[in-house]
């Protein structure tokens, strides 16, 4: 997987590369897909999704994060059409998305309702807080969207007194699902 250059920073920080690798595998994006993202922040997921999907729409409520995402997209020479919209999701989301990523938990229930109403066939949400993961899992189930919940943690090695020790990132709960084709 090719790397993502993120010369511009946003307070929340990017979704880690290892998490993006699993996320992109779960989304299974193809050149004819329209990918929608809620909360692009630095644009790290946006960049990698744009390398696979035919169209990308990203909705961000904070103008400063939208500016950072735009700059980072430019720094990565993204050629796929990317529509960055300043809005509070689910406002601004397209009606024809094939795949949807929720990078944050704000308004996630309304976004999941949007996914059901518009028939999004692949939905992935990353959560780092245990309580939100439980509530979001219930919300996915209540809407008959849930296929699986994956929990993983990544650790990176560093030198400690001439040997390797590990520093771990926060665990991530990844909720994966979508609207079944028979329900559209």
C-alpha atoms as a PDB file:
ATOM      1  CA  UNK A   1       0.000   0.000   0.000  1.00  0.00           C
ATOM      2  CA  UNK A   2       1.435   3.348  -0.978  1.00  0.00           C
ATOM      3  CA  UNK A   3       2.066   5.853   1.753  1.00  0.00           C
ATOM      4  CA  UNK A   4       0.187   9.045   2.443  1.00  0.00           C
ATOM      5  CA  UNK A   5       2.003  12.346   2.853  1.00  0.00           C
ATOM      6  CA  UNK A   6       0.441  14.492   5.576  1.00  0.00           C
ATOM      7  CA  UNK A   7       2.483  17.699   5.656  1.00  0.00           C
ATOM      8  CA  UNK A   8      -0.437  19.609   7.177  1.00  0.00           C
ATOM      9  CA  UNK A   9      -1.698  18.796  10.660  1.00  0.00           C
ATOM     10  CA  UNK A  10      -5.106  18.789  12.345  1.00  0.00           C
ATOM     11  CA  UNK A  11      -5.658  18.512  16.101  1.00  0.00           C
ATOM     12  CA  UNK A  12      -7.391  15.124  15.981  1.00  0.00           C
ATOM     13  CA  UNK A  13      -4.615  13.543  13.952  1.00  0.00           C
ATOM     14  CA  UNK A  14      -4.884  10.950  11.210  1.00  0.00           C
ATOM     15  CA  UNK A  15      -6.251   7.444  11.386  1.00  0.00           C
ATOM     16  CA  UNK A  16      -3.084   5.350  11.765  1.00  0.00           C
ATOM     17  CA  UNK A  17      -1.763   3.595   8.659  1.00  0.00           C
ATOM     18  CA  UNK A  18      -2.358   0.100  10.058  1.00  0.00           C
ATOM     19  CA  UNK A  19      -5.975   0.989  10.851  1.00  0.00           C
ATOM     20  CA  UNK A  20      -6.393   2.446   7.343  1.00  0.00           C
ATOM     21  CA  UNK A  21      -5.146  -0.834   5.847  1.00  0.00           C
ATOM     22  CA  UNK A  22      -7.863  -2.834   7.628  1.00  0.00           C
ATOM     23  CA  UNK A  23     -10.456  -0.137   6.941  1.00  0.00           C
ATOM     24  CA  UNK A  24      -9.751  -0.128   3.203  1.00  0.00           C
ATOM     25  CA  UNK A  25      -9.899  -3.923   3.096  1.00  0.00           C
ATOM     26  CA  UNK A  26     -13.314  -3.873   4.798  1.00  0.00           C
ATOM     27  CA  UNK A  27     -14.618  -1.150   2.453  1.00  0.00           C
ATOM     28  CA  UNK A  28     -13.465  -3.109  -0.623  1.00  0.00           C
ATOM     29  CA  UNK A  29     -13.494  -0.007  -2.842  1.00  0.00           C
ATOM     30  CA  UNK A  30     -13.570  -0.293  -6.640  1.00  0.00           C
ATOM     31  CA  UNK A  31     -13.124   2.265  -9.467  1.00  0.00           C
ATOM     32  CA  UNK A  32     -16.897   2.530 -10.022  1.00  0.00           C
ATOM     33  CA  UNK A  33     -17.649   3.202  -6.322  1.00  0.00           C
ATOM     34  CA  UNK A  34     -18.732   6.485  -4.785  1.00  0.00           C
ATOM     35  CA  UNK A  35     -17.074   6.652  -1.360  1.00  0.00           C
ATOM     36  CA  UNK A  36     -18.477   8.977   1.307  1.00  0.00           C
ATOM     37  CA  UNK A  37     -16.628   9.965   4.458  1.00  0.00           C
ATOM     38  CA  UNK A  38     -17.766  11.712   7.605  1.00  0.00           C
ATOM     39  CA  UNK A  39     -14.973  13.625   9.352  1.00  0.00           C
ATOM     40  CA  UNK A  40     -11.944  13.525   7.021  1.00  0.00           C
ATOM     41  CA  UNK A  41      -9.800  15.576   9.452  1.00  0.00           C
ATOM     42  CA  UNK A  42      -6.308  15.327   7.890  1.00  0.00           C
ATOM     43  CA  UNK A  43      -7.592  13.574   4.774  1.00  0.00           C
ATOM     44  CA  UNK A  44      -5.499  10.425   5.325  1.00  0.00           C
ATOM     45  CA  UNK A  45      -8.441   8.078   4.657  1.00  0.00           C
ATOM     46  CA  UNK A  46      -9.718  10.383   1.913  1.00  0.00           C
ATOM     47  CA  UNK A  47      -6.411  10.142   0.040  1.00  0.00           C
ATOM     48  CA  UNK A  48      -6.286   6.359   0.161  1.00  0.00           C
ATOM     49  CA  UNK A  49      -9.958   5.969  -0.709  1.00  0.00           C
ATOM     50  CA  UNK A  50      -9.483   8.300  -3.695  1.00  0.00           C
ATOM     51  CA  UNK A  51      -6.754   5.985  -4.959  1.00  0.00           C
ATOM     52  CA  UNK A  52      -9.338   3.181  -5.204  1.00  0.00           C
ATOM     53  CA  UNK A  53     -12.812   4.680  -5.655  1.00  0.00           C
ATOM     54  CA  UNK A  54     -14.081   6.530  -8.708  1.00  0.00           C
ATOM     55  CA  UNK A  55     -15.572   9.415  -6.706  1.00  0.00           C
ATOM     56  CA  UNK A  56     -15.175  10.660  -3.151  1.00  0.00           C
ATOM     57  CA  UNK A  57     -17.351  12.958  -1.059  1.00  0.00           C
ATOM     58  CA  UNK A  58     -16.065  13.984   2.364  1.00  0.00           C
ATOM     59  CA  UNK A  59     -18.130  15.966   4.865  1.00  0.00           C
ATOM     60  CA  UNK A  60     -16.402  17.902   7.652  1.00  0.00           C
ATOM     61  CA  UNK A  61     -18.061  20.281  10.089  1.00  0.00           C
ATOM     62  CA  UNK A  62     -14.904  22.178  11.082  1.00  0.00           C
ATOM     63  CA  UNK A  63     -13.612  24.575   8.405  1.00  0.00           C
ATOM     64  CA  UNK A  64     -10.016  24.406   9.672  1.00  0.00           C
ATOM     65  CA  UNK A  65      -9.986  20.606   9.318  1.00  0.00           C
ATOM     66  CA  UNK A  66     -11.527  20.876   5.875  1.00  0.00           C
ATOM     67  CA  UNK A  67      -8.694  23.214   4.883  1.00  0.00           C
ATOM     68  CA  UNK A  68      -6.105  20.737   6.211  1.00  0.00           C
ATOM     69  CA  UNK A  69      -7.735  17.855   4.320  1.00  0.00           C
ATOM     70  CA  UNK A  70      -7.728  19.929   1.108  1.00  0.00           C
ATOM     71  CA  UNK A  71      -4.016  20.791   1.511  1.00  0.00           C
ATOM     72  CA  UNK A  72      -3.091  17.165   2.218  1.00  0.00           C
ATOM     73  CA  UNK A  73      -5.083  15.980  -0.817  1.00  0.00           C
ATOM     74  CA  UNK A  74      -3.119  18.455  -2.942  1.00  0.00           C
ATOM     75  CA  UNK A  75       0.167  17.216  -1.414  1.00  0.00           C
ATOM     76  CA  UNK A  76      -0.692  13.667  -2.545  1.00  0.00           C
ATOM     77  CA  UNK A  77      -1.538  14.508  -6.166  1.00  0.00           C
ATOM     78  CA  UNK A  78      -4.977  12.917  -5.913  1.00  0.00           C
ATOM     79  CA  UNK A  79      -6.549  12.743  -9.387  1.00  0.00           C
ATOM     80  CA  UNK A  80      -9.903  11.165  -8.486  1.00  0.00           C
ATOM     81  CA  UNK A  81     -12.697  13.724  -8.095  1.00  0.00           C
ATOM     82  CA  UNK A  82     -12.985  14.596  -4.383  1.00  0.00           C
ATOM     83  CA  UNK A  83     -15.826  16.812  -3.215  1.00  0.00           C
ATOM     84  CA  UNK A  84     -14.992  18.284   0.203  1.00  0.00           C
ATOM     85  CA  UNK A  85     -18.077  19.740   1.864  1.00  0.00           C
ATOM     86  CA  UNK A  86     -18.397  21.815   5.005  1.00  0.00           C
ATOM     87  CA  UNK A  87     -21.473  20.452   6.734  1.00  0.00           C
ATOM     88  CA  UNK A  88     -22.710  18.647   9.804  1.00  0.00           C
ATOM     89  CA  UNK A  89     -23.385  15.069   8.701  1.00  0.00           C
ATOM     90  CA  UNK A  90     -25.667  13.631   7.548  1.00  0.00           C
ATOM     91  CA  UNK A  91     -26.176  16.933   5.722  1.00  0.00           C
ATOM     92  CA  UNK A  92     -23.942  17.109   2.686  1.00  0.00           C
ATOM     93  CA  UNK A  93     -23.712  13.348   2.182  1.00  0.00           C
ATOM     94  CA  UNK A  94     -24.500  12.118  -1.348  1.00  0.00           C
ATOM     95  CA  UNK A  95     -27.602  10.056  -2.105  1.00  0.00           C
ATOM     96  CA  UNK A  96     -25.641   7.576  -4.223  1.00  0.00           C
ATOM     97  CA  UNK A  97     -22.783   6.446  -1.947  1.00  0.00           C
ATOM     98  CA  UNK A  98     -21.705   2.821  -2.290  1.00  0.00           C
ATOM     99  CA  UNK A  99     -19.402   2.877   0.734  1.00  0.00           C
ATOM    100  CA  UNK A 100     -19.363   5.060   3.846  1.00  0.00           C
ATOM    101  CA  UNK A 101     -16.777   5.643   6.551  1.00  0.00           C
ATOM    102  CA  UNK A 102     -17.572   7.352   9.833  1.00  0.00           C
ATOM    103  CA  UNK A 103     -14.331   8.700  11.247  1.00  0.00           C
ATOM    104  CA  UNK A 104     -16.024  10.165  14.291  1.00  0.00           C
ATOM    105  CA  UNK A 105     -18.967   9.438  16.515  1.00  0.00           C
ATOM    106  CA  UNK A 106     -20.823  12.764  16.376  1.00  0.00           C
ATOM    107  CA  UNK A 107     -24.360  12.313  14.957  1.00  0.00           C
ATOM    108  CA  UNK A 108     -23.558   8.715  14.050  1.00  0.00           C
ATOM    109  CA  UNK A 109     -27.145   7.538  14.547  1.00  0.00           C
ATOM    110  CA  UNK A 110     -28.453  10.084  12.020  1.00  0.00           C
ATOM    111  CA  UNK A 111     -25.655   9.070   9.629  1.00  0.00           C
ATOM    112  CA  UNK A 112     -26.585   5.395  10.034  1.00  0.00           C
ATOM    113  CA  UNK A 113     -30.222   6.315   9.296  1.00  0.00           C
ATOM    114  CA  UNK A 114     -28.964   8.032   6.126  1.00  0.00           C
ATOM    115  CA  UNK A 115     -27.063   4.834   5.196  1.00  0.00           C
ATOM    116  CA  UNK A 116     -30.234   2.760   5.549  1.00  0.00           C
ATOM    117  CA  UNK A 117     -32.419   5.289   3.694  1.00  0.00           C
ATOM    118  CA  UNK A 118     -30.022   5.571   0.753  1.00  0.00           C
ATOM    119  CA  UNK A 119     -28.991   1.890   0.647  1.00  0.00           C
ATOM    120  CA  UNK A 120     -25.253   2.195   1.350  1.00  0.00           C
ATOM    121  CA  UNK A 121     -23.963  -1.351   0.947  1.00  0.00           C
ATOM    122  CA  UNK A 122     -20.689  -0.939   2.903  1.00  0.00           C
ATOM    123  CA  UNK A 123     -20.490   1.018   6.158  1.00  0.00           C
ATOM    124  CA  UNK A 124     -17.492   1.146   8.482  1.00  0.00           C
ATOM    125  CA  UNK A 125     -17.171   3.138  11.694  1.00  0.00           C
ATOM    126  CA  UNK A 126     -14.053   3.411  13.818  1.00  0.00           C
ATOM    127  CA  UNK A 127     -14.436   4.015  17.536  1.00  0.00           C
ATOM    128  CA  UNK A 128     -11.772   4.392  20.204  1.00  0.00           C
ATOM    129  CA  UNK A 129     -13.973   4.755  23.300  1.00  0.00           C
ATOM    130  CA  UNK A 130     -15.464   1.591  24.788  1.00  0.00           C
ATOM    131  CA  UNK A 131     -18.798   3.128  25.798  1.00  0.00           C
ATOM    132  CA  UNK A 132     -19.330   4.605  22.332  1.00  0.00           C
ATOM    133  CA  UNK A 133     -18.373   1.266  20.763  1.00  0.00           C
ATOM    134  CA  UNK A 134     -21.141  -0.457  22.733  1.00  0.00           C
ATOM    135  CA  UNK A 135     -23.727   2.188  21.854  1.00  0.00           C
ATOM    136  CA  UNK A 136     -22.684   2.222  18.190  1.00  0.00           C
ATOM    137  CA  UNK A 137     -22.823  -1.582  17.996  1.00  0.00           C
ATOM    138  CA  UNK A 138     -26.386  -1.424  19.298  1.00  0.00           C
ATOM    139  CA  UNK A 139     -27.227   1.306  16.746  1.00  0.00           C
ATOM    140  CA  UNK A 140     -25.803  -0.810  13.879  1.00  0.00           C
ATOM    141  CA  UNK A 141     -27.828  -3.828  15.101  1.00  0.00           C
ATOM    142  CA  UNK A 142     -31.034  -1.797  15.523  1.00  0.00           C
ATOM    143  CA  UNK A 143     -30.760  -0.806  11.853  1.00  0.00           C
ATOM    144  CA  UNK A 144     -29.804  -4.312  10.698  1.00  0.00           C
ATOM    145  CA  UNK A 145     -26.440  -3.002   9.448  1.00  0.00           C
ATOM    146  CA  UNK A 146     -23.986  -4.998  11.553  1.00  0.00           C
ATOM    147  CA  UNK A 147     -21.884  -7.741   9.988  1.00  0.00           C
ATOM    148  CA  UNK A 148     -18.976  -7.735  12.418  1.00  0.00           C
ATOM    149  CA  UNK A 149     -17.112  -5.863  15.128  1.00  0.00           C
ATOM    150  CA  UNK A 150     -13.331  -6.005  15.032  1.00  0.00           C
ATOM    151  CA  UNK A 151     -11.141  -4.852  17.906  1.00  0.00           C
ATOM    152  CA  UNK A 152      -7.440  -4.430  17.373  1.00  0.00           C
ATOM    153  CA  UNK A 153      -4.469  -2.647  18.801  1.00  0.00           C
ATOM    154  CA  UNK A 154      -1.235  -1.722  17.083  1.00  0.00           C
ATOM    155  CA  UNK A 155       2.103  -1.402  18.853  1.00  0.00           C
ATOM    156  CA  UNK A 156       5.283   0.097  17.437  1.00  0.00           C
ATOM    157  CA  UNK A 157       8.756  -0.935  18.517  1.00  0.00           C
ATOM    158  CA  UNK A 158      11.304   1.505  19.855  1.00  0.00           C
ATOM    159  CA  UNK A 159      14.800   1.229  21.248  1.00  0.00           C
ATOM    160  CA  UNK A 160      14.996   0.864  25.022  1.00  0.00           C
ATOM    161  CA  UNK A 161      18.452   0.338  26.511  1.00  0.00           C
ATOM    162  CA  UNK A 162      19.722  -1.413  23.383  1.00  0.00           C
ATOM    163  CA  UNK A 163      16.700  -3.703  23.030  1.00  0.00           C
ATOM    164  CA  UNK A 164      13.245  -3.365  21.504  1.00  0.00           C
ATOM    165  CA  UNK A 165      10.252  -2.412  23.582  1.00  0.00           C
ATOM    166  CA  UNK A 166       6.764  -1.523  22.354  1.00  0.00           C
ATOM    167  CA  UNK A 167       4.599   1.548  22.599  1.00  0.00           C
ATOM    168  CA  UNK A 168       0.948   0.776  21.909  1.00  0.00           C
ATOM    169  CA  UNK A 169      -1.658   2.955  20.242  1.00  0.00           C
ATOM    170  CA  UNK A 170      -5.179   3.113  21.640  1.00  0.00           C
ATOM    171  CA  UNK A 171      -7.303   0.108  20.705  1.00  0.00           C
ATOM    172  CA  UNK A 172      -9.735   0.618  17.840  1.00  0.00           C
ATOM    173  CA  UNK A 173     -13.186  -0.903  17.561  1.00  0.00           C
ATOM    174  CA  UNK A 174     -14.228  -1.193  13.935  1.00  0.00           C
ATOM    175  CA  UNK A 175     -17.901  -1.744  13.187  1.00  0.00           C
ATOM    176  CA  UNK A 176     -18.478  -3.189   9.730  1.00  0.00           C
ATOM    177  CA  UNK A 177     -21.710  -3.727   7.838  1.00  0.00           C
ATOM    178  CA  UNK A 178     -24.091  -2.254   5.341  1.00  0.00           C
ATOM    179  CA  UNK A 179     -27.486  -2.562   3.756  1.00  0.00           C
ATOM    180  CA  UNK A 180     -28.095  -6.006   2.259  1.00  0.00           C
ATOM    181  CA  UNK A 181     -28.830  -5.906  -1.477  1.00  0.00           C
ATOM    182  CA  UNK A 182     -32.149  -7.678  -0.895  1.00  0.00           C
ATOM    183  CA  UNK A 183     -33.336  -4.838   1.371  1.00  0.00           C
ATOM    184  CA  UNK A 184     -32.952  -2.036  -1.189  1.00  0.00           C
END
